[in-house]
Amino acid sequence: MLTQLEDLERKLQLLTEKEKTLEENVKTLEAKVAIRKLQEKIKAKREAVENLESEKSDFEKELKESETSEESEEKVEEEQETDLTVTEVPSEGQERAQSQEQDKEEEKKKHRFFYTRVRNNSVSVSLERL
């Protein structure tokens, strides 16, 4: 009987040790799983930050380019303001021809036809002098 009791005590002791070992293994595996999940979250967050930094950089470049183009437009405008304007002075013959053309145009403008009303399918026309 004593041997049987000792045998059972040994089995209990072995099972207790195995239980402790398994509990430690479970805790270790839980920690490894938690670490892996955190690493995945960190990796995803890092990628999101990199994408945002890239987008920010693109917008900064675009803003800088638009500011540069505005500055160059302002320079062009300043240069245009400082440029001298050269106009050709018409000769006497050209002046007379231009004057005659302007007189004809003014005469044409003086006589215009205006449609005043449409009543009962009839149109009344008046000639107005300016």
Foldseek 3Di string as FASTA:
>chain_A
DVVVVVVVVVVVVVVVVVVVVVVVVVVVVVVVVVVVVVVVVVVVVVVVVVVVVVVVVVVVVVVVVVVVVVVVVVVVVVVVVPDDDDDDDDDPVVVVVVVVVVVVVVVVVQWDKDFDDQDPNDTDIDTHGD
